[in-house]
């Protein structure tokens, strides 16, 4: 087999560039297995050096069906790489595996991809090939009995890959076009309004505490009596909870109504929102 043929074969098996494959083959005296190992070690070294960089760009991929749906965030350093064909191919396959793994990161990293290598090893190879830090970010799988999932993607790059993804799970005894329209509109509402939780009492305590701290700082130099500033503080934190809870948010399709009012007015038995997830690059 000629040197060029060996380089082509090594490129095909490792995904490394022509120059790297050529150098590795020379170091390995033409031994393909040894050259592949050299590239693997160099790839890990290259990937390690890039881990100190910021990776604030990337994509969100959605996979699954209306019963079980998953979102996964894959970060990179530049928007140029986020649209790279090799990156997108990796992301699309990764998103399908993530749905099978129900967003279990450890299981995902150790899962085999189509080329027989683990996700973890393929990620290292991709970093070495593209030359940017690439990481797996947030993941979430939604699967609820007697529920149907609805998705919305914004700034779609290709197929199931975008910059923002939403999944919302709706439970209902009735399968109708009316419920399907609600599901689609609700997923769009979540994308636009970015609720922190379904209900006010489900917002994380750390978020509430931070908001309360900001309110206290705002009011500490007020010349109003303490009893008045206390009432203002209570009112502000209540408004924060209302504006950031899905059920009490103003409905984007008709802002005079709350989301909970829209569900109530549909008068469908056992209609409820079970859960939702919203992931956006850069947040």
Foldseek 3Di string as FASTA:
>chain_A
DDLVVLLVVLCVLQVADSVLLSVLCVVVVNDSVSSNVVLLVVLLVLQVVQPVDDFQDAKWFWDDFFAKIKIWTKTKRDVVVNLDPVRVVLVHQLNHLCSVVQNPVVCSQQDATPSRHGNVSVQSSVCNRVVIHMDIDDMHMDHDPQKTKDKDADQASDDRIGQKIKIWIKHAPDDDVVVVVVRHLLNVQCQVQVAQEQALVPRDPVVLVVVLVVLCVVCVPPPDDPVVSVVVSVVVSVVVSQSRHQQNHQRPVHRVDGNVVVQVVVVGPPIDTDTMDMDGRND
